[in-house]
Structure formats: C-alpha cells, structure tokens
Amino acid sequence: MTITDNIYGNFDIKSQCIIELINSKPMQRLKGITQFGVPDIYNVKKGFSRYDHSIGVMLILNRLDASEEEQIAGLLHDVSHTAFSHVIDWVIGEGGLESYQDEQHESFVAKTEIPDILTKFGFSVDRITDYHHFGLLEKDLPDLCADRIDYSLKEMPNEVAVECASKLVAKDNQIVFSDIKSAKLFADNFLKLQSEHWGGFESTARYRIFADTLCLALKLDVIKMSDFWKDDEYILKKLSKTDNKNIKETLELLKNGNLAQLKKSKIKIQKKFRFVDPLYLDDGNLKRLSENDEGFATEIEQARKNNEAGFYLPEVPYLQDVGL
C-alpha cells in the first residue's frame, strides 16, 4: 500500500497486518467522524477526519522507525471514537477530561474484527489497546507524542508543519526535536491553536451548544445513544428529519459564522487547556524548552490564565425554553 501525505511524504506500507486493519470496517468508519467534534456545517473551521489523523499518527511512528506493534497501536488509537468525537464528553458530562473514548477503547475493539486480524499476525490485543506500552505514541502533557504531534501539525500552516515534522527524532523512547529552533516553532504554533481554536470562544461555545442540542434530541428520542457508534452523517440525517422547532432553530443558529455577537448568558464555560513544552537535543543532551527560553515559560502561564478565565456561553433561547 502506498500512502502520500502532504506533511510526512511518501510511504510504502509493507505490513500486511496494517493494510488489513486500514481496510477494516472499524477503521473505515473513522472517515465519517470529524476530528474537531462539531461538524463542518456548524463550525468556523474546516476539519479533517479521525481516519486522516489515525493514518498520520501511524506515519509519524513509521518515519521514526517505531516497531510494527507500535505503528499498529497508533493506527488504532482512535478507532473507538463515537460520532462527533469529544462532543460525546459534553453530552454525558462536563466535557473537561475528554476521556470517554479512552475508557471505551478496549471494549469497543473487542466487539470488532480487529482482534481476529491482530491474532492472525501474532499480535496481542491486550498490548495493542494499552497505550502505556508505547512511549512514542502517547505521553502525558506537556511532552510530545505521535498523537499530539499529528493533530496539531494538520492545523498548522503546511510549511511550518513540514519543517517541524522534518526535525522530529526518537531518543530514549520519546519524541524530541533535533534543535531548539524547531522546538520553539512547534510549541508557539501549538499554543496559538490552543488560544485561537481548541480553547477559543467559538470552539468552546459551539461544543457546548451542539452537545446540548444532542442532549435535547436524546431526550425527545430523535436520536439514541447507540447512534453515536455509527458516524456523524448518520446522526445529522436523523436531526435533519425532526420537526422539533428547538432543535431546528438551534442548529440553524450554529451555521452563524460569529457567535460572539450574540447576547451572553450567565453560564461560564471553558475547554481543556493544552500546551507542549518539548524536549530538544543540544549536543546530544536533552533539554526542556521552557527551562532555556524564559519568554516561552511566560507565554505558557499567560495562556493558562486566559483559558482559566473561560467564556460566557451565548444565550440560546431555543434550548433555554426546554430547560437545557
């Protein structure tokens, strides 16, 4: 299988296990699930699919000469996402941890054809579904990992993404940058995405309003919880057929390109705060960016304070009328 990527380059995938997994129904389902959670029609930024992200993570690991096992884990790491990705965390709770997908990962995989494929090629399902075995795939914030790197590079200007990707190296079972310049370039752009997109007003408000609309649709039996294990389009079609005035008017409101102009409610909201503080190589030694760039350390703290301040949710009378 040949894969061409505009950030990582050209790859000749020889692993038959990876090829079968890519072509499996659970992986193909991810083509219908947006990375951003809120679908493009109700968002201010055009997204990409969980499938695109999963392939990207696998390619990063391939490029860094990770084991076939870790590449497989990277490919499958998001296969258990529901429709609308992390919006589900706001449907069932406060959304802050965005952990529902991780909690469902092992049980979801067990119900699919994935275990048979893995077993066929001699891989352990238990190991593949446990991220703790794979230091290049997953690391806690603020370190780099293939997952975190790919979803952010896909939103950065392409020339920045290509430059940063070319400077990634693996050392001591972790991903680091080859120099401080590329570490700073990536970290600054990551922090910009956090403030302007992931934790920004439009994204945060749309997450909450769209999640509340889905809650109302569940309450009225327009959709069912089991529908979330299909894809975005399946639920959107169900929503489009409803005669419920509140749902229809709220979804129409979300097509507005600027929610900031709406009257604010007294409900304060905020999204998960993300930042990276990369390690980089200096004469063969690993160093932390914030410990060698005081300005960046200050940038992190200011961004954290801005995120903690949160935003006031716009008033949405169609939802307030039904007590949501």
C-alpha atoms as a PDB file:
ATOM      1  CA  MET A   1       0.000   0.000   0.000  1.00  0.00           C
ATOM      2  CA  THR A   2       1.390   3.410  -0.970  1.00  0.00           C
ATOM      3  CA  ILE A   3       0.400   6.452   1.087  1.00  0.00           C
ATOM      4  CA  THR A   4       1.270  10.014   0.103  1.00  0.00           C
ATOM      5  CA  ASP A   5       0.970  12.671   2.791  1.00  0.00           C
ATOM      6  CA  ASN A   6       1.465  16.417   2.287  1.00  0.00           C
ATOM      7  CA  ILE A   7       3.318  16.712   5.614  1.00  0.00           C
ATOM      8  CA  TYR A   8       5.211  13.454   6.066  1.00  0.00           C
ATOM      9  CA  GLY A   9       5.915  12.440   2.456  1.00  0.00           C
ATOM     10  CA  ASN A  10       5.577   9.129   0.615  1.00  0.00           C
ATOM     11  CA  PHE A  11       5.373   5.740   2.320  1.00  0.00           C
ATOM     12  CA  ASP A  12       5.362   2.181   1.032  1.00  0.00           C
ATOM     13  CA  ILE A  13       3.420   0.253   3.678  1.00  0.00           C
ATOM     14  CA  LYS A  14       4.558  -3.372   3.623  1.00  0.00           C
ATOM     15  CA  SER A  15       2.915  -4.657   6.811  1.00  0.00           C
ATOM     16  CA  GLN A  16       0.020  -6.894   5.773  1.00  0.00           C
ATOM     17  CA  CYS A  17      -1.473  -6.515   9.254  1.00  0.00           C
ATOM     18  CA  ILE A  18      -1.556  -2.711   8.924  1.00  0.00           C
ATOM     19  CA  ILE A  19      -3.033  -2.955   5.426  1.00  0.00           C
ATOM     20  CA  GLU A  20      -5.828  -5.257   6.608  1.00  0.00           C
ATOM     21  CA  LEU A  21      -6.533  -3.002   9.585  1.00  0.00           C
ATOM     22  CA  ILE A  22      -6.703   0.106   7.395  1.00  0.00           C
ATOM     23  CA  ASN A  23      -9.265  -1.645   5.170  1.00  0.00           C
ATOM     24  CA  SER A  24     -11.314  -2.964   8.111  1.00  0.00           C
ATOM     25  CA  LYS A  25     -14.818  -1.627   8.815  1.00  0.00           C
ATOM     26  CA  PRO A  26     -13.901  -0.037  12.186  1.00  0.00           C
ATOM     27  CA  MET A  27     -11.082   1.976  10.583  1.00  0.00           C
ATOM     28  CA  GLN A  28     -13.125   2.949   7.535  1.00  0.00           C
ATOM     29  CA  ARG A  29     -15.891   4.173   9.874  1.00  0.00           C
ATOM     30  CA  LEU A  30     -13.499   6.877  11.093  1.00  0.00           C
ATOM     31  CA  LYS A  31     -13.698   8.557   7.689  1.00  0.00           C
ATOM     32  CA  GLY A  32     -17.162   9.740   8.763  1.00  0.00           C
ATOM     33  CA  ILE A  33     -16.102  11.162  12.136  1.00  0.00           C
ATOM     34  CA  THR A  34     -14.639  14.656  12.296  1.00  0.00           C
ATOM     35  CA  GLN A  35     -11.549  15.342  14.385  1.00  0.00           C
ATOM     36  CA  PHE A  36     -12.970  18.664  15.566  1.00  0.00           C
ATOM     37  CA  GLY A  37     -16.110  17.179  17.101  1.00  0.00           C
ATOM     38  CA  VAL A  38     -18.536  19.783  15.815  1.00  0.00           C
ATOM     39  CA  PRO A  39     -19.144  19.005  12.111  1.00  0.00           C
ATOM     40  CA  ASP A  40     -18.047  21.423   9.408  1.00  0.00           C
ATOM     41  CA  ILE A  41     -21.582  22.665   8.705  1.00  0.00           C
ATOM     42  CA  TYR A  42     -21.794  24.090  12.256  1.00  0.00           C
ATOM     43  CA  ASN A  43     -18.158  25.047  12.694  1.00  0.00           C
ATOM     44  CA  VAL A  44     -15.999  28.030  11.757  1.00  0.00           C
ATOM     45  CA  LYS A  45     -13.033  25.938  10.647  1.00  0.00           C
ATOM     46  CA  LYS A  46     -12.987  23.101   8.132  1.00  0.00           C
ATOM     47  CA  GLY A  47     -11.871  19.913   9.810  1.00  0.00           C
ATOM     48  CA  PHE A  48     -10.390  16.559   8.917  1.00  0.00           C
ATOM     49  CA  SER A  49     -11.444  13.051   9.851  1.00  0.00           C
ATOM     50  CA  ARG A  50     -10.348  10.767  12.654  1.00  0.00           C
ATOM     51  CA  TYR A  51      -9.253   8.412   9.867  1.00  0.00           C
ATOM     52  CA  ASP A  52      -6.862  11.034   8.447  1.00  0.00           C
ATOM     53  CA  HIS A  53      -5.478  11.626  11.932  1.00  0.00           C
ATOM     54  CA  SER A  54      -5.043   7.915  12.658  1.00  0.00           C
ATOM     55  CA  ILE A  55      -3.145   7.395   9.411  1.00  0.00           C
ATOM     56  CA  GLY A  56      -0.989  10.420  10.250  1.00  0.00           C
ATOM     57  CA  VAL A  57      -0.079   9.044  13.664  1.00  0.00           C
ATOM     58  CA  MET A  58       0.920   5.730  12.103  1.00  0.00           C
ATOM     59  CA  LEU A  59       3.066   7.542   9.512  1.00  0.00           C
ATOM     60  CA  ILE A  60       4.923   9.536  12.174  1.00  0.00           C
ATOM     61  CA  LEU A  61       5.717   6.303  14.004  1.00  0.00           C
ATOM     62  CA  ASN A  62       6.795   4.680  10.747  1.00  0.00           C
ATOM     63  CA  ARG A  63       9.068   7.631   9.970  1.00  0.00           C
ATOM     64  CA  LEU A  64      10.665   7.340  13.417  1.00  0.00           C
ATOM     65  CA  ASP A  65      11.297   3.605  12.917  1.00  0.00           C
ATOM     66  CA  ALA A  66       8.888   2.575  15.664  1.00  0.00           C
ATOM     67  CA  SER A  67       8.128  -1.127  15.904  1.00  0.00           C
ATOM     68  CA  GLU A  68       5.358  -2.589  13.771  1.00  0.00           C
ATOM     69  CA  GLU A  69       3.437  -3.196  17.004  1.00  0.00           C
ATOM     70  CA  GLU A  70       3.598   0.481  17.987  1.00  0.00           C
ATOM     71  CA  GLN A  71       2.598   1.582  14.479  1.00  0.00           C
ATOM     72  CA  ILE A  72      -0.463  -0.668  14.760  1.00  0.00           C
ATOM     73  CA  ALA A  73      -1.320   0.783  18.163  1.00  0.00           C
ATOM     74  CA  GLY A  74      -1.021   4.261  16.655  1.00  0.00           C
ATOM     75  CA  LEU A  75      -3.253   3.374  13.746  1.00  0.00           C
ATOM     76  CA  LEU A  76      -5.927   2.019  16.106  1.00  0.00           C
ATOM     77  CA  HIS A  77      -5.634   4.523  18.948  1.00  0.00           C
ATOM     78  CA  ASP A  78      -8.784   6.475  17.945  1.00  0.00           C
ATOM     79  CA  VAL A  79     -10.837   3.634  16.464  1.00  0.00           C
ATOM     80  CA  SER A  80     -13.234   3.724  19.431  1.00  0.00           C
ATOM     81  CA  HIS A  81     -14.326   7.329  18.912  1.00  0.00           C
ATOM     82  CA  THR A  82     -18.048   7.950  18.733  1.00  0.00           C
ATOM     83  CA  ALA A  83     -19.704  10.233  16.219  1.00  0.00           C
ATOM     84  CA  PHE A  84     -18.664  13.874  16.807  1.00  0.00           C
ATOM     85  CA  SER A  85     -15.530  12.765  18.682  1.00  0.00           C
ATOM     86  CA  HIS A  86     -15.112  14.527  22.044  1.00  0.00           C
ATOM     87  CA  VAL A  87     -18.518  16.220  21.859  1.00  0.00           C
ATOM     88  CA  ILE A  88     -19.756  12.993  23.481  1.00  0.00           C
ATOM     89  CA  ASP A  89     -17.903  14.000  26.676  1.00  0.00           C
ATOM     90  CA  TRP A  90     -20.086  17.111  26.830  1.00  0.00           C
ATOM     91  CA  VAL A  91     -23.236  15.109  26.102  1.00  0.00           C
ATOM     92  CA  ILE A  92     -22.694  12.742  29.018  1.00  0.00           C
ATOM     93  CA  GLY A  93     -20.898  15.137  31.398  1.00  0.00           C
ATOM     94  CA  GLU A  94     -18.946  18.359  31.765  1.00  0.00           C
ATOM     95  CA  GLY A  95     -16.518  17.543  28.980  1.00  0.00           C
ATOM     96  CA  GLY A  96     -13.390  18.681  30.776  1.00  0.00           C
ATOM     97  CA  LEU A  97     -11.399  15.446  30.773  1.00  0.00           C
ATOM     98  CA  GLU A  98     -12.375  14.288  27.265  1.00  0.00           C
ATOM     99  CA  SER A  99     -11.774  10.713  28.406  1.00  0.00           C
ATOM    100  CA  TYR A 100     -14.832   8.773  27.193  1.00  0.00           C
ATOM    101  CA  GLN A 101     -13.107   7.363  24.105  1.00  0.00           C
ATOM    102  CA  ASP A 102     -10.142   6.068  26.105  1.00  0.00           C
ATOM    103  CA  GLU A 103     -12.497   4.415  28.594  1.00  0.00           C
ATOM    104  CA  GLN A 104     -14.348   2.609  25.790  1.00  0.00           C
ATOM    105  CA  HIS A 105     -11.306   1.647  23.721  1.00  0.00           C
ATOM    106  CA  GLU A 106     -10.668  -1.899  24.887  1.00  0.00           C
ATOM    107  CA  SER A 107     -14.323  -2.971  25.000  1.00  0.00           C
ATOM    108  CA  PHE A 108     -15.066  -1.420  21.597  1.00  0.00           C
ATOM    109  CA  VAL A 109     -12.136  -3.120  19.892  1.00  0.00           C
ATOM    110  CA  ALA A 110     -13.167  -6.481  21.386  1.00  0.00           C
ATOM    111  CA  LYS A 111     -16.522  -6.324  19.566  1.00  0.00           C
ATOM    112  CA  THR A 112     -14.986  -5.800  16.120  1.00  0.00           C
ATOM    113  CA  GLU A 113     -12.973  -7.861  13.636  1.00  0.00           C
ATOM    114  CA  ILE A 114      -9.782  -6.183  14.856  1.00  0.00           C
ATOM    115  CA  PRO A 115      -8.845  -8.919  17.396  1.00  0.00           C
ATOM    116  CA  ASP A 116      -9.023 -11.583  14.686  1.00  0.00           C
ATOM    117  CA  ILE A 117      -6.738  -9.547  12.423  1.00  0.00           C
ATOM    118  CA  LEU A 118      -4.238  -8.908  15.204  1.00  0.00           C
ATOM    119  CA  THR A 119      -4.238 -12.541  16.316  1.00  0.00           C
ATOM    120  CA  LYS A 120      -3.785 -13.707  12.733  1.00  0.00           C
ATOM    121  CA  PHE A 121      -0.496 -11.809  12.542  1.00  0.00           C
ATOM    122  CA  GLY A 122       0.687 -12.742  16.034  1.00  0.00           C
ATOM    123  CA  PHE A 123      -0.065  -9.520  17.914  1.00  0.00           C
ATOM    124  CA  SER A 124      -1.587  -9.248  21.399  1.00  0.00           C
ATOM    125  CA  VAL A 125      -4.895  -7.389  21.569  1.00  0.00           C
ATOM    126  CA  ASP A 126      -4.278  -6.521  25.223  1.00  0.00           C
ATOM    127  CA  ARG A 127      -0.910  -4.925  24.450  1.00  0.00           C
ATOM    128  CA  ILE A 128      -2.121  -3.052  21.383  1.00  0.00           C
ATOM    129  CA  THR A 129      -5.034  -1.477  23.285  1.00  0.00           C
ATOM    130  CA  ASP A 130      -2.864  -0.407  26.230  1.00  0.00           C
ATOM    131  CA  TYR A 131      -1.127   2.878  25.357  1.00  0.00           C
ATOM    132  CA  HIS A 132       1.243   2.567  28.310  1.00  0.00           C
ATOM    133  CA  HIS A 133       3.390   0.161  26.298  1.00  0.00           C
ATOM    134  CA  PHE A 134       4.151   2.776  23.649  1.00  0.00           C
ATOM    135  CA  GLY A 135       6.197   5.824  24.591  1.00  0.00           C
ATOM    136  CA  LEU A 136       6.351   7.313  21.108  1.00  0.00           C
ATOM    137  CA  LEU A 137       2.584   7.048  20.598  1.00  0.00           C
ATOM    138  CA  GLU A 138       1.362   8.524  23.880  1.00  0.00           C
ATOM    139  CA  LYS A 139       2.889  10.763  26.522  1.00  0.00           C
ATOM    140  CA  ASP A 140       1.265  12.989  29.097  1.00  0.00           C
ATOM    141  CA  LEU A 141       1.298  16.736  28.531  1.00  0.00           C
ATOM    142  CA  PRO A 142       3.490  18.712  28.109  1.00  0.00           C
ATOM    143  CA  ASP A 143       5.666  16.158  26.278  1.00  0.00           C
ATOM    144  CA  LEU A 144       5.496  15.318  22.609  1.00  0.00           C
ATOM    145  CA  CYS A 145       3.880  12.148  21.268  1.00  0.00           C
ATOM    146  CA  ALA A 146       2.782  10.996  17.827  1.00  0.00           C
ATOM    147  CA  ASP A 147      -0.899  11.550  18.630  1.00  0.00           C
ATOM    148  CA  ARG A 148      -0.420  15.128  19.854  1.00  0.00           C
ATOM    149  CA  ILE A 149       2.018  15.993  17.080  1.00  0.00           C
ATOM    150  CA  ASP A 150      -0.200  14.856  14.222  1.00  0.00           C
ATOM    151  CA  TYR A 151      -3.469  16.541  15.194  1.00  0.00           C
ATOM    152  CA  SER A 152      -1.659  19.837  15.692  1.00  0.00           C
ATOM    153  CA  LEU A 153       0.553  19.674  12.584  1.00  0.00           C
ATOM    154  CA  LYS A 154      -2.573  19.121  10.467  1.00  0.00           C
ATOM    155  CA  GLU A 155      -3.848  22.551  11.572  1.00  0.00           C
ATOM    156  CA  MET A 156      -0.599  24.468  11.233  1.00  0.00           C
ATOM    157  CA  PRO A 157       0.445  26.205   8.008  1.00  0.00           C
ATOM    158  CA  ASN A 158       1.824  23.488   5.745  1.00  0.00           C
ATOM    159  CA  GLU A 159       5.302  24.978   5.510  1.00  0.00           C
ATOM    160  CA  VAL A 160       5.500  25.104   9.320  1.00  0.00           C
ATOM    161  CA  ALA A 161       4.180  21.558   9.623  1.00  0.00           C
ATOM    162  CA  VAL A 162       6.672  20.165   7.101  1.00  0.00           C
ATOM    163  CA  GLU A 163       9.569  21.976   8.800  1.00  0.00           C
ATOM    164  CA  CYS A 164       8.606  20.734  12.265  1.00  0.00           C
ATOM    165  CA  ALA A 165       7.986  17.170  11.077  1.00  0.00           C
ATOM    166  CA  SER A 166      11.422  17.043   9.472  1.00  0.00           C
ATOM    167  CA  LYS A 167      13.096  17.848  12.812  1.00  0.00           C
ATOM    168  CA  LEU A 168      11.464  15.103  14.886  1.00  0.00           C
ATOM    169  CA  VAL A 169      13.715  12.373  16.254  1.00  0.00           C
ATOM    170  CA  ALA A 170      13.270   9.472  18.666  1.00  0.00           C
ATOM    171  CA  LYS A 171      15.541   9.287  21.706  1.00  0.00           C
ATOM    172  CA  ASP A 172      15.146   7.229  24.872  1.00  0.00           C
ATOM    173  CA  ASN A 173      11.683   6.033  23.780  1.00  0.00           C
ATOM    174  CA  GLN A 174      10.310   9.548  23.370  1.00  0.00           C
ATOM    175  CA  ILE A 175       9.879  12.048  20.546  1.00  0.00           C
ATOM    176  CA  VAL A 176      12.033  15.178  20.704  1.00  0.00           C
ATOM    177  CA  PHE A 177      13.164  17.916  18.359  1.00  0.00           C
ATOM    178  CA  SER A 178      16.650  17.975  16.889  1.00  0.00           C
ATOM    179  CA  ASP A 179      17.180  21.643  17.840  1.00  0.00           C
ATOM    180  CA  ILE A 180      15.705  24.440  19.941  1.00  0.00           C
ATOM    181  CA  LYS A 181      14.560  26.460  16.924  1.00  0.00           C
ATOM    182  CA  SER A 182      12.160  23.781  15.681  1.00  0.00           C
ATOM    183  CA  ALA A 183      11.012  23.047  19.253  1.00  0.00           C
ATOM    184  CA  LYS A 184      10.069  26.709  19.704  1.00  0.00           C
ATOM    185  CA  LEU A 185       8.396  26.904  16.284  1.00  0.00           C
ATOM    186  CA  PHE A 186       6.177  23.932  17.080  1.00  0.00           C
ATOM    187  CA  ALA A 187       5.433  24.977  20.665  1.00  0.00           C
ATOM    188  CA  ASP A 188       4.456  28.532  19.653  1.00  0.00           C
ATOM    189  CA  ASN A 189       2.128  27.301  16.917  1.00  0.00           C
ATOM    190  CA  PHE A 190       0.620  24.726  19.278  1.00  0.00           C
ATOM    191  CA  LEU A 191      -0.094  27.418  21.867  1.00  0.00           C
ATOM    192  CA  LYS A 192      -1.653  29.582  19.154  1.00  0.00           C
ATOM    193  CA  LEU A 193      -4.012  26.750  18.202  1.00  0.00           C
ATOM    194  CA  GLN A 194      -4.944  26.351  21.863  1.00  0.00           C
ATOM    195  CA  SER A 195      -5.865  30.013  22.311  1.00  0.00           C
ATOM    196  CA  GLU A 196      -7.412  30.665  18.898  1.00  0.00           C
ATOM    197  CA  HIS A 197      -9.121  27.346  18.212  1.00  0.00           C
ATOM    198  CA  TRP A 198      -9.244  24.471  20.728  1.00  0.00           C
ATOM    199  CA  GLY A 199      -9.765  26.689  23.769  1.00  0.00           C
ATOM    200  CA  GLY A 200     -11.127  29.732  21.943  1.00  0.00           C
ATOM    201  CA  PHE A 201     -14.602  31.179  22.275  1.00  0.00           C
ATOM    202  CA  GLU A 202     -16.071  29.893  19.014  1.00  0.00           C
ATOM    203  CA  SER A 203     -14.916  26.311  19.504  1.00  0.00           C
ATOM    204  CA  THR A 204     -15.908  26.203  23.168  1.00  0.00           C
ATOM    205  CA  ALA A 205     -19.329  27.758  22.591  1.00  0.00           C
ATOM    206  CA  ARG A 206     -20.114  25.505  19.633  1.00  0.00           C
ATOM    207  CA  TYR A 207     -19.093  22.390  21.547  1.00  0.00           C
ATOM    208  CA  ARG A 208     -21.463  23.254  24.376  1.00  0.00           C
ATOM    209  CA  ILE A 209     -24.400  24.360  22.213  1.00  0.00           C
ATOM    210  CA  PHE A 210     -24.105  21.396  19.851  1.00  0.00           C
ATOM    211  CA  ALA A 211     -23.798  18.976  22.783  1.00  0.00           C
ATOM    212  CA  ASP A 212     -26.895  20.493  24.428  1.00  0.00           C
ATOM    213  CA  THR A 213     -28.767  20.118  21.142  1.00  0.00           C
ATOM    214  CA  LEU A 214     -27.804  16.445  21.029  1.00  0.00           C
ATOM    215  CA  CYS A 215     -28.969  16.080  24.649  1.00  0.00           C
ATOM    216  CA  LEU A 216     -32.349  17.510  23.669  1.00  0.00           C
ATOM    217  CA  ALA A 217     -32.525  15.162  20.684  1.00  0.00           C
ATOM    218  CA  LEU A 218     -31.800  12.228  23.007  1.00  0.00           C
ATOM    219  CA  LYS A 219     -34.432  13.409  25.460  1.00  0.00           C
ATOM    220  CA  LEU A 220     -37.036  13.546  22.673  1.00  0.00           C
ATOM    221  CA  ASP A 221     -35.952  10.183  21.167  1.00  0.00           C
ATOM    222  CA  VAL A 222     -34.959  11.883  17.924  1.00  0.00           C
ATOM    223  CA  ILE A 223     -31.678  10.015  18.277  1.00  0.00           C
ATOM    224  CA  LYS A 224     -30.455   7.202  20.540  1.00  0.00           C
ATOM    225  CA  MET A 225     -27.169   6.686  22.372  1.00  0.00           C
ATOM    226  CA  SER A 226     -26.464   3.679  20.159  1.00  0.00           C
ATOM    227  CA  ASP A 227     -26.446   6.031  17.142  1.00  0.00           C
ATOM    228  CA  PHE A 228     -23.159   7.500  18.360  1.00  0.00           C
ATOM    229  CA  TRP A 229     -21.407   4.252  17.450  1.00  0.00           C
ATOM    230  CA  LYS A 230     -22.170   4.910  13.790  1.00  0.00           C
ATOM    231  CA  ASP A 231     -20.857   8.180  12.282  1.00  0.00           C
ATOM    232  CA  ASP A 232     -21.564  11.909  12.080  1.00  0.00           C
ATOM    233  CA  GLU A 233     -23.694  11.767   8.950  1.00  0.00           C
ATOM    234  CA  TYR A 234     -25.979   9.089  10.388  1.00  0.00           C
ATOM    235  CA  ILE A 235     -26.958  11.339  13.295  1.00  0.00           C
ATOM    236  CA  LEU A 236     -27.073  14.516  11.189  1.00  0.00           C
ATOM    237  CA  LYS A 237     -29.608  12.869   8.875  1.00  0.00           C
ATOM    238  CA  LYS A 238     -31.790  11.982  11.851  1.00  0.00           C
ATOM    239  CA  LEU A 239     -31.575  15.540  13.172  1.00  0.00           C
ATOM    240  CA  SER A 240     -32.487  16.948   9.754  1.00  0.00           C
ATOM    241  CA  LYS A 241     -35.738  14.972   9.726  1.00  0.00           C
ATOM    242  CA  THR A 242     -37.036  16.218  13.056  1.00  0.00           C
ATOM    243  CA  ASP A 243     -39.964  18.614  13.268  1.00  0.00           C
ATOM    244  CA  ASN A 244     -38.859  19.872  16.664  1.00  0.00           C
ATOM    245  CA  LYS A 245     -38.633  23.670  16.492  1.00  0.00           C
ATOM    246  CA  ASN A 246     -35.996  23.969  19.229  1.00  0.00           C
ATOM    247  CA  ILE A 247     -33.577  21.571  17.569  1.00  0.00           C
ATOM    248  CA  LYS A 248     -34.053  23.060  14.119  1.00  0.00           C
ATOM    249  CA  GLU A 249     -33.579  26.659  15.270  1.00  0.00           C
ATOM    250  CA  THR A 250     -30.527  25.869  17.396  1.00  0.00           C
ATOM    251  CA  LEU A 251     -28.820  24.054  14.529  1.00  0.00           C
ATOM    252  CA  GLU A 252     -29.631  26.970  12.251  1.00  0.00           C
ATOM    253  CA  LEU A 253     -28.043  29.305  14.787  1.00  0.00           C
ATOM    254  CA  LEU A 254     -24.826  27.254  14.687  1.00  0.00           C
ATOM    255  CA  LYS A 255     -24.490  27.977  10.982  1.00  0.00           C
ATOM    256  CA  ASN A 256     -23.796  31.571  12.012  1.00  0.00           C
ATOM    257  CA  GLY A 257     -20.125  32.313  11.414  1.00  0.00           C
ATOM    258  CA  ASN A 258     -19.780  34.507  14.500  1.00  0.00           C
ATOM    259  CA  LEU A 259     -21.417  33.546  17.800  1.00  0.00           C
ATOM    260  CA  ALA A 260     -19.547  36.296  19.651  1.00  0.00           C
ATOM    261  CA  GLN A 261     -22.145  38.839  18.533  1.00  0.00           C
ATOM    262  CA  LEU A 262     -24.910  37.055  20.452  1.00  0.00           C
ATOM    263  CA  LYS A 263     -26.077  38.137  23.884  1.00  0.00           C
ATOM    264  CA  LYS A 264     -24.178  36.300  26.627  1.00  0.00           C
ATOM    265  CA  SER A 265     -25.753  34.132  29.306  1.00  0.00           C
ATOM    266  CA  LYS A 266     -24.532  33.772  32.895  1.00  0.00           C
ATOM    267  CA  ILE A 267     -23.115  30.315  32.191  1.00  0.00           C
ATOM    268  CA  LYS A 268     -19.315  30.279  32.149  1.00  0.00           C
ATOM    269  CA  ILE A 269     -17.573  27.628  30.060  1.00  0.00           C
ATOM    270  CA  GLN A 270     -14.021  26.607  29.204  1.00  0.00           C
ATOM    271  CA  LYS A 271     -12.208  23.854  27.319  1.00  0.00           C
ATOM    272  CA  LYS A 272      -9.329  21.624  28.349  1.00  0.00           C
ATOM    273  CA  PHE A 273      -6.029  23.533  28.420  1.00  0.00           C
ATOM    274  CA  ARG A 274      -3.349  22.084  26.159  1.00  0.00           C
ATOM    275  CA  PHE A 275       0.265  23.136  25.755  1.00  0.00           C
ATOM    276  CA  VAL A 276       3.513  21.430  24.865  1.00  0.00           C
ATOM    277  CA  ASP A 277       6.917  22.098  26.380  1.00  0.00           C
ATOM    278  CA  PRO A 278       9.099  19.995  24.085  1.00  0.00           C
ATOM    279  CA  LEU A 279      12.392  18.353  24.773  1.00  0.00           C
ATOM    280  CA  TYR A 280      15.106  19.027  22.218  1.00  0.00           C
ATOM    281  CA  LEU A 281      18.668  17.918  21.564  1.00  0.00           C
ATOM    282  CA  ASP A 282      21.639  20.139  22.316  1.00  0.00           C
ATOM    283  CA  ASP A 283      24.997  18.471  21.650  1.00  0.00           C
ATOM    284  CA  GLY A 284      23.367  15.095  22.257  1.00  0.00           C
ATOM    285  CA  ASN A 285      21.768  16.157  25.560  1.00  0.00           C
ATOM    286  CA  LEU A 286      18.044  16.517  26.139  1.00  0.00           C
ATOM    287  CA  LYS A 287      16.841  19.938  27.287  1.00  0.00           C
ATOM    288  CA  ARG A 288      13.395  21.354  28.058  1.00  0.00           C
ATOM    289  CA  LEU A 289      12.280  24.392  26.051  1.00  0.00           C
ATOM    290  CA  SER A 290      10.774  26.394  28.936  1.00  0.00           C
ATOM    291  CA  GLU A 291      13.920  25.905  31.031  1.00  0.00           C
ATOM    292  CA  ASN A 292      16.043  27.506  28.323  1.00  0.00           C
ATOM    293  CA  ASP A 293      13.616  30.099  26.962  1.00  0.00           C
ATOM    294  CA  GLU A 294      12.150  32.307  29.696  1.00  0.00           C
ATOM    295  CA  GLY A 295       9.876  34.038  27.234  1.00  0.00           C
ATOM    296  CA  PHE A 296       8.173  30.778  26.357  1.00  0.00           C
ATOM    297  CA  ALA A 297       7.617  29.922  30.023  1.00  0.00           C
ATOM    298  CA  THR A 298       5.846  33.288  30.399  1.00  0.00           C
ATOM    299  CA  GLU A 299       3.737  32.604  27.298  1.00  0.00           C
ATOM    300  CA  ILE A 300       2.514  29.324  28.789  1.00  0.00           C
ATOM    301  CA  GLU A 301       1.414  30.893  32.048  1.00  0.00           C
ATOM    302  CA  GLN A 302      -0.398  33.731  30.307  1.00  0.00           C
ATOM    303  CA  ALA A 303      -2.220  31.270  28.040  1.00  0.00           C
ATOM    304  CA  ARG A 304      -3.155  29.160  31.064  1.00  0.00           C
ATOM    305  CA  LYS A 305      -4.637  32.188  32.855  1.00  0.00           C
ATOM    306  CA  ASN A 306      -6.588  33.187  29.748  1.00  0.00           C
ATOM    307  CA  ASN A 307      -8.014  29.678  29.482  1.00  0.00           C
ATOM    308  CA  GLU A 308      -8.966  29.557  33.165  1.00  0.00           C
ATOM    309  CA  ALA A 309     -10.901  32.815  32.739  1.00  0.00           C
ATOM    310  CA  GLY A 310     -13.257  30.965  30.392  1.00  0.00           C
ATOM    311  CA  PHE A 311     -16.121  32.467  28.409  1.00  0.00           C
ATOM    312  CA  TYR A 312     -19.772  33.215  28.949  1.00  0.00           C
ATOM    313  CA  LEU A 313     -21.956  30.979  26.818  1.00  0.00           C
ATOM    314  CA  PRO A 314     -24.183  32.798  24.316  1.00  0.00           C
ATOM    315  CA  GLU A 315     -27.869  32.807  25.157  1.00  0.00           C
ATOM    316  CA  VAL A 316     -29.711  30.219  23.099  1.00  0.00           C
ATOM    317  CA  PRO A 317     -33.426  30.736  23.756  1.00  0.00           C
ATOM    318  CA  TYR A 318     -34.420  27.586  21.868  1.00  0.00           C
ATOM    319  CA  LEU A 319     -32.505  25.482  24.383  1.00  0.00           C
ATOM    320  CA  GLN A 320     -33.356  27.567  27.436  1.00  0.00           C
ATOM    321  CA  ASP A 321     -37.042  27.147  26.662  1.00  0.00           C
ATOM    322  CA  VAL A 322     -36.710  23.433  27.313  1.00  0.00           C
ATOM    323  CA  GLY A 323     -34.586  23.747  30.433  1.00  0.00           C
ATOM    324  CA  LEU A 324     -31.165  22.883  28.980  1.00  0.00           C
END
